[in-house]
Amino acid sequence: MDNNSLSFGEDQSIAKQNAFITNVYGLMTGALGITGFIAWYVSSNESVLMQLMPYFKLILIAEFLVVMGMVWLLNRLSVNTARALFVAYAVMNGLTFGVIFSAFTGESIASTFFVTAGTFGVMSLYGYYTKTDLTKIGKILLMALIGIVIASIVNMFMGSEMIYWITTYLGVLVFVGLIAYDTQKLKAMAVGVTEAGDEIEHKASIMGALTLYLDFINLFLLLLRIMGRRR
């Protein structure tokens, strides 16, 4: 095999990798757009907001079930079903975000969004281009995230302001790190899934988009605790 053939093969591999990553970010951006639009509509319409209030916790439970269903049943789902569930999750998040946004000023929501977007962009670029293996750091961050979730649940009964702020600031650090880790992981898996067939590639792109989407919205919510100004 000559050098030209090797070069052509490498170019094809890079092209497939780039196409997969572009698709992942496209799906994530579309989901964020859906969530943002619905959140804006709900928060700016008092009658819709009042109708949603009684169902806020039920929608949160439904969101959790949808994500768990996508993770656990992905292999059994068709591509169209997985995509539809992702869109449904983005819609439900828009409804719950609309209720949350009603408590904060528009200016603080906008500024928090831009800080989140900027941080996400920087860390995602770092994760994509760094030569450092983030696997060990990622595992530590995932364990820390589990600890934060447990502490937050316990604090729902304790009501400690100190624990609330500790988990908030630690959560920001964890999700900032996870953005880089998840981006690097997606880059590493890109070539493999593109060689595995269209169905696997499409499902992997949906799950990749969901992962980055979750990183973004969780970082946004944590920063909103810090930066948000209540009405």
C-alpha atoms as a PDB file:
ATOM      1  CA  MET A   1       0.000   0.000   0.000  1.00  0.00           C
ATOM      2  CA  ASP A   2       1.513   3.329  -1.042  1.00  0.00           C
ATOM      3  CA  ASN A   3       1.607   6.583   0.886  1.00  0.00           C
ATOM      4  CA  ASN A   4      -1.181   8.066  -1.226  1.00  0.00           C
ATOM      5  CA  SER A   5      -3.529   5.236  -0.256  1.00  0.00           C
ATOM      6  CA  LEU A   6      -2.669   5.659   3.424  1.00  0.00           C
ATOM      7  CA  SER A   7      -3.210   9.397   3.182  1.00  0.00           C
ATOM      8  CA  PHE A   8      -6.567   8.887   1.493  1.00  0.00           C
ATOM      9  CA  GLY A   9      -7.633   6.454   4.214  1.00  0.00           C
ATOM     10  CA  GLU A  10      -6.625   8.876   6.944  1.00  0.00           C
ATOM     11  CA  ASP A  11      -8.491  11.705   5.229  1.00  0.00           C
ATOM     12  CA  GLN A  12     -11.619   9.566   5.032  1.00  0.00           C
ATOM     13  CA  SER A  13     -11.327   8.665   8.713  1.00  0.00           C
ATOM     14  CA  ILE A  14     -10.943  12.312   9.719  1.00  0.00           C
ATOM     15  CA  ALA A  15     -13.863  13.309   7.496  1.00  0.00           C
ATOM     16  CA  LYS A  16     -16.119  10.692   9.121  1.00  0.00           C
ATOM     17  CA  GLN A  17     -14.992  11.778  12.581  1.00  0.00           C
ATOM     18  CA  ASN A  18     -15.723  15.424  11.795  1.00  0.00           C
ATOM     19  CA  ALA A  19     -19.125  14.563  10.324  1.00  0.00           C
ATOM     20  CA  PHE A  20     -20.070  12.595  13.454  1.00  0.00           C
ATOM     21  CA  ILE A  21     -18.979  15.393  15.801  1.00  0.00           C
ATOM     22  CA  THR A  22     -20.788  17.992  13.681  1.00  0.00           C
ATOM     23  CA  ASN A  23     -23.970  15.918  13.854  1.00  0.00           C
ATOM     24  CA  VAL A  24     -23.673  15.582  17.630  1.00  0.00           C
ATOM     25  CA  TYR A  25     -23.294  19.317  18.146  1.00  0.00           C
ATOM     26  CA  GLY A  26     -26.064  20.022  15.670  1.00  0.00           C
ATOM     27  CA  LEU A  27     -28.485  17.802  17.590  1.00  0.00           C
ATOM     28  CA  MET A  28     -27.419  19.339  20.909  1.00  0.00           C
ATOM     29  CA  THR A  29     -27.843  22.890  19.593  1.00  0.00           C
ATOM     30  CA  GLY A  30     -31.265  22.048  18.171  1.00  0.00           C
ATOM     31  CA  ALA A  31     -32.377  20.597  21.512  1.00  0.00           C
ATOM     32  CA  LEU A  32     -31.135  23.683  23.361  1.00  0.00           C
ATOM     33  CA  GLY A  33     -33.028  25.854  20.902  1.00  0.00           C
ATOM     34  CA  ILE A  34     -36.256  23.937  21.550  1.00  0.00           C
ATOM     35  CA  THR A  35     -35.756  24.153  25.313  1.00  0.00           C
ATOM     36  CA  GLY A  36     -34.932  27.857  25.195  1.00  0.00           C
ATOM     37  CA  PHE A  37     -37.896  28.796  23.008  1.00  0.00           C
ATOM     38  CA  ILE A  38     -40.421  26.886  25.118  1.00  0.00           C
ATOM     39  CA  ALA A  39     -38.920  28.236  28.351  1.00  0.00           C
ATOM     40  CA  TRP A  40     -39.207  31.792  27.010  1.00  0.00           C
ATOM     41  CA  TYR A  41     -42.812  31.215  25.891  1.00  0.00           C
ATOM     42  CA  VAL A  42     -43.896  29.692  29.211  1.00  0.00           C
ATOM     43  CA  SER A  43     -42.166  32.276  31.406  1.00  0.00           C
ATOM     44  CA  SER A  44     -43.639  35.165  29.409  1.00  0.00           C
ATOM     45  CA  ASN A  45     -47.240  33.863  29.461  1.00  0.00           C
ATOM     46  CA  GLU A  46     -48.705  33.974  32.932  1.00  0.00           C
ATOM     47  CA  SER A  47     -51.776  31.889  32.095  1.00  0.00           C
ATOM     48  CA  VAL A  48     -49.623  29.053  30.681  1.00  0.00           C
ATOM     49  CA  LEU A  49     -47.311  29.345  33.666  1.00  0.00           C
ATOM     50  CA  MET A  50     -50.160  29.017  36.150  1.00  0.00           C
ATOM     51  CA  GLN A  51     -51.491  25.939  34.359  1.00  0.00           C
ATOM     52  CA  LEU A  52     -48.061  24.275  34.486  1.00  0.00           C
ATOM     53  CA  MET A  53     -47.278  24.973  38.138  1.00  0.00           C
ATOM     54  CA  PRO A  54     -49.289  22.036  39.579  1.00  0.00           C
ATOM     55  CA  TYR A  55     -47.555  19.604  37.220  1.00  0.00           C
ATOM     56  CA  PHE A  56     -43.983  20.821  37.757  1.00  0.00           C
ATOM     57  CA  LYS A  57     -42.835  17.825  39.838  1.00  0.00           C
ATOM     58  CA  LEU A  58     -44.610  15.341  37.566  1.00  0.00           C
ATOM     59  CA  ILE A  59     -42.776  16.752  34.551  1.00  0.00           C
ATOM     60  CA  LEU A  60     -39.473  16.438  36.419  1.00  0.00           C
ATOM     61  CA  ILE A  61     -40.216  12.774  37.099  1.00  0.00           C
ATOM     62  CA  ALA A  62     -41.148  12.265  33.443  1.00  0.00           C
ATOM     63  CA  GLU A  63     -37.857  13.854  32.369  1.00  0.00           C
ATOM     64  CA  PHE A  64     -35.919  11.428  34.561  1.00  0.00           C
ATOM     65  CA  LEU A  65     -37.830   8.450  33.173  1.00  0.00           C
ATOM     66  CA  VAL A  66     -37.237   9.535  29.569  1.00  0.00           C
ATOM     67  CA  VAL A  67     -33.477   9.862  30.098  1.00  0.00           C
ATOM     68  CA  MET A  68     -33.263   6.536  31.906  1.00  0.00           C
ATOM     69  CA  GLY A  69     -35.304   4.918  29.155  1.00  0.00           C
ATOM     70  CA  MET A  70     -32.976   6.262  26.486  1.00  0.00           C
ATOM     71  CA  VAL A  71     -29.896   5.040  28.357  1.00  0.00           C
ATOM     72  CA  TRP A  72     -31.186   1.599  29.315  1.00  0.00           C
ATOM     73  CA  LEU A  73     -33.209   0.754  26.210  1.00  0.00           C
ATOM     74  CA  LEU A  74     -31.133   2.406  23.501  1.00  0.00           C
ATOM     75  CA  ASN A  75     -30.277  -0.880  21.776  1.00  0.00           C
ATOM     76  CA  ARG A  76     -33.972  -1.786  21.540  1.00  0.00           C
ATOM     77  CA  LEU A  77     -35.114   1.606  20.289  1.00  0.00           C
ATOM     78  CA  SER A  78     -35.248   2.603  16.659  1.00  0.00           C
ATOM     79  CA  VAL A  79     -33.302   5.682  15.605  1.00  0.00           C
ATOM     80  CA  ASN A  80     -36.529   7.638  15.064  1.00  0.00           C
ATOM     81  CA  THR A  81     -37.845   6.675  18.518  1.00  0.00           C
ATOM     82  CA  ALA A  82     -34.581   7.668  20.203  1.00  0.00           C
ATOM     83  CA  ARG A  83     -34.621  10.981  18.349  1.00  0.00           C
ATOM     84  CA  ALA A  84     -38.272  11.570  19.292  1.00  0.00           C
ATOM     85  CA  LEU A  85     -37.522  10.883  22.960  1.00  0.00           C
ATOM     86  CA  PHE A  86     -34.636  13.354  22.846  1.00  0.00           C
ATOM     87  CA  VAL A  87     -36.934  16.017  21.400  1.00  0.00           C
ATOM     88  CA  ALA A  88     -39.587  15.187  24.009  1.00  0.00           C
ATOM     89  CA  TYR A  89     -36.992  15.575  26.748  1.00  0.00           C
ATOM     90  CA  ALA A  90     -35.961  18.970  25.360  1.00  0.00           C
ATOM     91  CA  VAL A  91     -39.625  20.039  25.312  1.00  0.00           C
ATOM     92  CA  MET A  92     -40.212  18.919  28.904  1.00  0.00           C
ATOM     93  CA  ASN A  93     -37.082  20.742  30.004  1.00  0.00           C
ATOM     94  CA  GLY A  94     -38.427  23.837  28.289  1.00  0.00           C
ATOM     95  CA  LEU A  95     -41.604  23.570  30.370  1.00  0.00           C
ATOM     96  CA  THR A  96     -39.748  23.203  33.663  1.00  0.00           C
ATOM     97  CA  PHE A  97     -37.228  25.892  32.730  1.00  0.00           C
ATOM     98  CA  GLY A  98     -40.137  28.219  31.971  1.00  0.00           C
ATOM     99  CA  VAL A  99     -41.336  27.825  35.555  1.00  0.00           C
ATOM    100  CA  ILE A 100     -37.792  28.379  36.890  1.00  0.00           C
ATOM    101  CA  PHE A 101     -37.199  31.404  34.634  1.00  0.00           C
ATOM    102  CA  SER A 102     -40.324  33.091  35.970  1.00  0.00           C
ATOM    103  CA  ALA A 103     -38.486  33.598  39.266  1.00  0.00           C
ATOM    104  CA  PHE A 104     -35.491  35.393  37.711  1.00  0.00           C
ATOM    105  CA  THR A 105     -34.945  38.588  35.757  1.00  0.00           C
ATOM    106  CA  GLY A 106     -34.445  38.309  32.016  1.00  0.00           C
ATOM    107  CA  GLU A 107     -31.109  40.117  32.214  1.00  0.00           C
ATOM    108  CA  SER A 108     -29.634  37.655  34.704  1.00  0.00           C
ATOM    109  CA  ILE A 109     -30.915  34.684  32.672  1.00  0.00           C
ATOM    110  CA  ALA A 110     -29.312  36.105  29.518  1.00  0.00           C
ATOM    111  CA  SER A 111     -25.984  36.846  31.211  1.00  0.00           C
ATOM    112  CA  THR A 112     -25.914  33.377  32.779  1.00  0.00           C
ATOM    113  CA  PHE A 113     -26.601  31.817  29.379  1.00  0.00           C
ATOM    114  CA  PHE A 114     -23.717  33.673  27.742  1.00  0.00           C
ATOM    115  CA  VAL A 115     -21.331  32.705  30.547  1.00  0.00           C
ATOM    116  CA  THR A 116     -22.457  29.086  30.237  1.00  0.00           C
ATOM    117  CA  ALA A 117     -22.126  29.104  26.451  1.00  0.00           C
ATOM    118  CA  GLY A 118     -18.661  30.655  26.636  1.00  0.00           C
ATOM    119  CA  THR A 119     -17.478  28.187  29.262  1.00  0.00           C
ATOM    120  CA  PHE A 120     -18.958  25.273  27.329  1.00  0.00           C
ATOM    121  CA  GLY A 121     -17.245  26.398  24.134  1.00  0.00           C
ATOM    122  CA  VAL A 122     -13.826  26.814  25.740  1.00  0.00           C
ATOM    123  CA  MET A 123     -13.917  23.492  27.599  1.00  0.00           C
ATOM    124  CA  SER A 124     -15.300  21.621  24.612  1.00  0.00           C
ATOM    125  CA  LEU A 125     -12.480  22.936  22.420  1.00  0.00           C
ATOM    126  CA  TYR A 126      -9.999  21.964  25.107  1.00  0.00           C
ATOM    127  CA  GLY A 127     -11.427  18.442  25.297  1.00  0.00           C
ATOM    128  CA  TYR A 128     -11.302  18.089  21.523  1.00  0.00           C
ATOM    129  CA  TYR A 129      -7.760  19.306  20.963  1.00  0.00           C
ATOM    130  CA  THR A 130      -5.876  18.408  24.146  1.00  0.00           C
ATOM    131  CA  LYS A 131      -3.363  15.568  23.986  1.00  0.00           C
ATOM    132  CA  THR A 132      -3.870  14.837  27.691  1.00  0.00           C
ATOM    133  CA  ASP A 133      -5.876  11.697  28.440  1.00  0.00           C
ATOM    134  CA  LEU A 134      -8.841  12.845  30.558  1.00  0.00           C
ATOM    135  CA  THR A 135     -10.120   9.332  31.352  1.00  0.00           C
ATOM    136  CA  LYS A 136      -8.906   9.244  34.978  1.00  0.00           C
ATOM    137  CA  ILE A 137     -10.103  12.790  35.608  1.00  0.00           C
ATOM    138  CA  GLY A 138     -13.461  11.909  34.070  1.00  0.00           C
ATOM    139  CA  LYS A 139     -13.925   8.944  36.406  1.00  0.00           C
ATOM    140  CA  ILE A 140     -13.144  11.144  39.413  1.00  0.00           C
ATOM    141  CA  LEU A 141     -15.612  13.782  38.181  1.00  0.00           C
ATOM    142  CA  LEU A 142     -18.346  11.156  37.747  1.00  0.00           C
ATOM    143  CA  MET A 143     -17.802   9.900  41.305  1.00  0.00           C
ATOM    144  CA  ALA A 144     -17.886  13.492  42.553  1.00  0.00           C
ATOM    145  CA  LEU A 145     -21.137  14.038  40.673  1.00  0.00           C
ATOM    146  CA  ILE A 146     -22.700  11.031  42.393  1.00  0.00           C
ATOM    147  CA  GLY A 147     -21.611  12.475  45.732  1.00  0.00           C
ATOM    148  CA  ILE A 148     -23.117  15.850  44.877  1.00  0.00           C
ATOM    149  CA  VAL A 149     -26.425  14.242  43.870  1.00  0.00           C
ATOM    150  CA  ILE A 150     -26.584  12.272  47.126  1.00  0.00           C
ATOM    151  CA  ALA A 151     -25.687  15.343  49.196  1.00  0.00           C
ATOM    152  CA  SER A 152     -28.327  17.397  47.376  1.00  0.00           C
ATOM    153  CA  ILE A 153     -31.012  14.791  48.051  1.00  0.00           C
ATOM    154  CA  VAL A 154     -30.066  14.615  51.737  1.00  0.00           C
ATOM    155  CA  ASN A 155     -30.094  18.410  51.904  1.00  0.00           C
ATOM    156  CA  MET A 156     -33.680  18.468  50.663  1.00  0.00           C
ATOM    157  CA  PHE A 157     -34.558  17.221  54.164  1.00  0.00           C
ATOM    158  CA  MET A 158     -31.838  19.087  56.104  1.00  0.00           C
ATOM    159  CA  GLY A 159     -32.231  22.465  54.430  1.00  0.00           C
ATOM    160  CA  SER A 160     -28.621  23.476  55.095  1.00  0.00           C
ATOM    161  CA  GLU A 161     -27.618  26.642  53.245  1.00  0.00           C
ATOM    162  CA  MET A 162     -23.935  25.738  53.592  1.00  0.00           C
ATOM    163  CA  ILE A 163     -24.438  22.347  51.895  1.00  0.00           C
ATOM    164  CA  TYR A 164     -26.527  24.064  49.212  1.00  0.00           C
ATOM    165  CA  TRP A 165     -23.705  26.428  48.261  1.00  0.00           C
ATOM    166  CA  ILE A 166     -20.953  23.808  48.595  1.00  0.00           C
ATOM    167  CA  THR A 167     -22.786  21.478  46.192  1.00  0.00           C
ATOM    168  CA  THR A 168     -23.476  24.411  43.865  1.00  0.00           C
ATOM    169  CA  TYR A 169     -19.848  25.499  43.496  1.00  0.00           C
ATOM    170  CA  LEU A 170     -18.543  21.933  43.396  1.00  0.00           C
ATOM    171  CA  GLY A 171     -21.182  21.130  40.785  1.00  0.00           C
ATOM    172  CA  VAL A 172     -19.956  23.976  38.587  1.00  0.00           C
ATOM    173  CA  LEU A 173     -16.404  22.619  38.742  1.00  0.00           C
ATOM    174  CA  VAL A 174     -17.577  19.069  38.037  1.00  0.00           C
ATOM    175  CA  PHE A 175     -19.628  19.984  34.964  1.00  0.00           C
ATOM    176  CA  VAL A 176     -16.909  22.260  33.604  1.00  0.00           C
ATOM    177  CA  GLY A 177     -14.576  19.265  33.735  1.00  0.00           C
ATOM    178  CA  LEU A 178     -17.188  16.868  32.342  1.00  0.00           C
ATOM    179  CA  ILE A 179     -17.657  19.018  29.252  1.00  0.00           C
ATOM    180  CA  ALA A 180     -13.994  18.490  28.317  1.00  0.00           C
ATOM    181  CA  TYR A 181     -14.078  14.802  29.273  1.00  0.00           C
ATOM    182  CA  ASP A 182     -17.269  14.034  27.351  1.00  0.00           C
ATOM    183  CA  THR A 183     -16.011  15.886  24.287  1.00  0.00           C
ATOM    184  CA  GLN A 184     -12.772  13.897  24.273  1.00  0.00           C
ATOM    185  CA  LYS A 185     -14.726  10.657  24.741  1.00  0.00           C
ATOM    186  CA  LEU A 186     -16.973  11.481  21.780  1.00  0.00           C
ATOM    187  CA  LYS A 187     -13.961  12.279  19.619  1.00  0.00           C
ATOM    188  CA  ALA A 188     -12.354   8.958  20.559  1.00  0.00           C
ATOM    189  CA  MET A 189     -15.459   6.935  19.749  1.00  0.00           C
ATOM    190  CA  ALA A 190     -16.278   8.819  16.535  1.00  0.00           C
ATOM    191  CA  VAL A 191     -14.309   6.681  14.097  1.00  0.00           C
ATOM    192  CA  GLY A 192     -15.435   3.398  15.671  1.00  0.00           C
ATOM    193  CA  VAL A 193     -19.161   4.155  15.499  1.00  0.00           C
ATOM    194  CA  THR A 194     -18.963   5.480  11.945  1.00  0.00           C
ATOM    195  CA  GLU A 195     -17.459   2.146  10.897  1.00  0.00           C
ATOM    196  CA  ALA A 196     -20.168   0.167  12.721  1.00  0.00           C
ATOM    197  CA  GLY A 197     -23.061   1.109  10.442  1.00  0.00           C
ATOM    198  CA  ASP A 198     -25.616   3.891  10.056  1.00  0.00           C
ATOM    199  CA  GLU A 199     -27.973   2.794  12.849  1.00  0.00           C
ATOM    200  CA  ILE A 200     -25.252   2.586  15.487  1.00  0.00           C
ATOM    201  CA  GLU A 201     -23.768   5.867  14.281  1.00  0.00           C
ATOM    202  CA  HIS A 202     -27.114   7.679  14.493  1.00  0.00           C
ATOM    203  CA  LYS A 203     -27.887   6.285  17.944  1.00  0.00           C
ATOM    204  CA  ALA A 204     -24.389   7.206  19.165  1.00  0.00           C
ATOM    205  CA  SER A 205     -24.818  10.759  17.859  1.00  0.00           C
ATOM    206  CA  ILE A 206     -28.147  11.099  19.706  1.00  0.00           C
ATOM    207  CA  MET A 207     -26.638   9.850  22.975  1.00  0.00           C
ATOM    208  CA  GLY A 208     -23.601  12.062  22.475  1.00  0.00           C
ATOM    209  CA  ALA A 209     -25.855  15.072  21.926  1.00  0.00           C
ATOM    210  CA  LEU A 210     -27.880  14.151  25.030  1.00  0.00           C
ATOM    211  CA  THR A 211     -24.690  13.922  27.106  1.00  0.00           C
ATOM    212  CA  LEU A 212     -23.448  17.346  26.042  1.00  0.00           C
ATOM    213  CA  TYR A 213     -26.951  18.795  26.388  1.00  0.00           C
ATOM    214  CA  LEU A 214     -27.107  17.556  29.987  1.00  0.00           C
ATOM    215  CA  ASP A 215     -23.661  19.034  30.695  1.00  0.00           C
ATOM    216  CA  PHE A 216     -24.803  22.390  29.327  1.00  0.00           C
ATOM    217  CA  ILE A 217     -28.150  22.676  31.101  1.00  0.00           C
ATOM    218  CA  ASN A 218     -26.822  21.461  34.438  1.00  0.00           C
ATOM    219  CA  LEU A 219     -23.955  23.945  34.309  1.00  0.00           C
ATOM    220  CA  PHE A 220     -26.458  26.648  33.359  1.00  0.00           C
ATOM    221  CA  LEU A 221     -28.763  25.835  36.281  1.00  0.00           C
ATOM    222  CA  LEU A 222     -25.885  25.831  38.764  1.00  0.00           C
ATOM    223  CA  LEU A 223     -24.567  29.148  37.469  1.00  0.00           C
ATOM    224  CA  LEU A 224     -28.092  30.568  37.615  1.00  0.00           C
ATOM    225  CA  ARG A 225     -28.095  29.843  41.354  1.00  0.00           C
ATOM    226  CA  ILE A 226     -24.994  32.004  41.649  1.00  0.00           C
ATOM    227  CA  MET A 227     -25.631  34.710  39.066  1.00  0.00           C
ATOM    228  CA  GLY A 228     -29.430  34.815  38.901  1.00  0.00           C
ATOM    229  CA  ARG A 229     -31.324  37.826  40.241  1.00  0.00           C
ATOM    230  CA  ARG A 230     -34.789  37.115  41.493  1.00  0.00           C
ATOM    231  CA  ARG A 231     -37.724  39.232  40.367  1.00  0.00           C
END
